[in-house]
């Protein structure tokens, strides 16, 4: 998966991580992060405010870094690794709840 364009922002925690990758020449496990996928078209139940979601670890491959006084661009690729952890996400609370064996059986 490619993320391009991506503009660095002072208030972004992920921009800070990308900056560390370029500054310290990080690679391998140092560039692996958990990514959350939330499927807002798939609400779990009626009016629950919770949506089908999963978390998966991925390695970030920073493609370039540069720009001018207006903005720094840092496009990158995401390479997913390992298995997904399925669950639900509530945007109001910003909480991910992993599936249990019981909830997994109900969703099939």
Protein backbone atom coordinates (compact mmCIF):
# COMPACT_ATOMS: atom_id res chain seq x y z
CA UNK A 1 0.00 0.00 0.00
CA UNK A 2 1.39 3.40 -0.97
CA UNK A 3 0.77 6.66 0.86
CA UNK A 4 1.55 9.48 -1.53
CA UNK A 5 1.38 12.37 -1.08
CA UNK A 6 2.11 12.63 2.63
CA UNK A 7 2.91 16.04 4.10
CA UNK A 8 4.80 16.19 7.39
CA UNK A 9 2.95 18.05 10.17
CA UNK A 10 4.28 19.30 13.51
CA UNK A 11 1.26 18.04 15.46
CA UNK A 12 1.36 14.54 13.96
CA UNK A 13 2.82 11.72 16.04
CA UNK A 14 3.28 9.65 12.90
CA UNK A 15 5.23 12.48 11.25
CA UNK A 16 7.54 12.31 14.27
CA UNK A 17 8.06 8.60 13.61
CA UNK A 18 8.81 9.21 9.93
CA UNK A 19 11.30 11.90 10.93
CA UNK A 20 13.07 9.43 13.24
CA UNK A 21 13.29 6.91 10.37
CA UNK A 22 15.07 9.40 8.13
CA UNK A 23 17.17 11.03 10.87
CA UNK A 24 18.50 7.81 12.39
CA UNK A 25 18.44 5.59 9.26
CA UNK A 26 16.10 3.13 10.94
CA UNK A 27 15.16 -0.17 9.33
CA UNK A 28 14.04 -3.71 10.17
CA UNK A 29 11.93 -4.06 13.31
CA UNK A 30 12.58 -0.38 14.13
CA UNK A 31 10.18 0.63 11.33
CA UNK A 32 7.31 -1.72 12.27
CA UNK A 33 4.12 -0.14 13.56
CA UNK A 34 0.58 -1.30 14.30
CA UNK A 35 -1.97 -0.04 11.77
CA UNK A 36 -5.70 0.07 12.46
CA UNK A 37 -8.22 -0.52 9.66
CA UNK A 38 -11.77 0.62 10.51
CA UNK A 39 -14.60 -0.30 8.14
CA UNK A 40 -17.15 2.46 8.72
CA UNK A 41 -19.57 0.84 6.28
CA UNK A 42 -19.82 -2.19 8.59
CA UNK A 43 -21.39 -1.11 11.88
CA UNK A 44 -21.61 -3.92 14.44
CA UNK A 45 -25.25 -4.08 15.54
CA UNK A 46 -27.67 -1.20 15.18
CA UNK A 47 -26.67 2.26 16.43
CA UNK A 48 -23.85 0.86 18.57
CA UNK A 49 -21.26 3.28 17.24
CA UNK A 50 -18.84 0.37 16.88
CA UNK A 51 -17.43 -0.78 13.57
CA UNK A 52 -15.71 -3.86 12.22
CA UNK A 53 -11.95 -3.36 12.46
CA UNK A 54 -8.57 -5.02 12.66
CA UNK A 55 -5.01 -4.22 13.64
CA UNK A 56 -2.01 -5.50 11.73
CA UNK A 57 1.71 -4.85 12.08
CA UNK A 58 3.40 -3.31 9.05
CA UNK A 59 6.84 -2.09 8.06
CA UNK A 60 7.11 1.46 6.78
CA UNK A 61 9.32 2.05 3.75
CA UNK A 62 10.03 5.79 3.44
CA UNK A 63 10.39 6.56 -0.28
CA UNK A 64 11.67 10.11 -0.15
CA UNK A 65 11.93 13.10 2.13
CA UNK A 66 12.11 16.73 1.14
CA UNK A 67 10.37 19.87 0.09
CA UNK A 68 10.52 23.59 0.62
CA UNK A 69 9.58 26.14 3.28
CA UNK A 70 5.88 25.44 2.68
CA UNK A 71 5.88 21.69 3.31
CA UNK A 72 8.04 18.59 3.63
CA UNK A 73 6.81 15.58 1.67
CA UNK A 74 7.49 12.06 2.89
CA UNK A 75 5.68 9.48 0.75
CA UNK A 76 5.97 5.92 2.02
CA UNK A 77 4.87 2.35 1.41
CA UNK A 78 3.26 0.10 4.00
CA UNK A 79 4.21 -3.59 3.90
CA UNK A 80 1.85 -5.64 6.08
CA UNK A 81 3.36 -8.56 7.99
CA UNK A 82 1.87 -11.20 10.23
CA UNK A 83 -1.73 -11.93 11.04
CA UNK A 84 -4.55 -9.49 11.60
CA UNK A 85 -6.13 -9.08 15.02
CA UNK A 86 -9.86 -8.72 14.41
CA UNK A 87 -12.24 -6.76 16.59
CA UNK A 88 -14.32 -3.60 16.75
CA UNK A 89 -13.50 0.09 16.98
CA UNK A 90 -15.54 2.83 18.63
CA UNK A 91 -14.63 6.26 17.18
CA UNK A 92 -16.23 8.09 20.11
CA UNK A 93 -13.98 6.42 22.66
CA UNK A 94 -11.14 5.73 20.19
CA UNK A 95 -11.01 2.19 21.60
CA UNK A 96 -10.22 -1.02 19.73
CA UNK A 97 -11.69 -4.17 21.30
CA UNK A 98 -10.19 -7.46 20.09
CA UNK A 99 -12.52 -10.36 19.29
CA UNK A 100 -12.80 -13.15 21.78
CA UNK A 101 -13.57 -16.77 20.90
CA UNK A 102 -17.23 -16.02 21.78
CA UNK A 103 -17.56 -12.89 19.62
CA UNK A 104 -15.68 -14.58 16.77
CA UNK A 105 -18.19 -17.47 16.74
CA UNK A 106 -21.14 -15.03 16.66
CA UNK A 107 -19.78 -13.13 13.67
CA UNK A 108 -19.67 -16.20 11.38
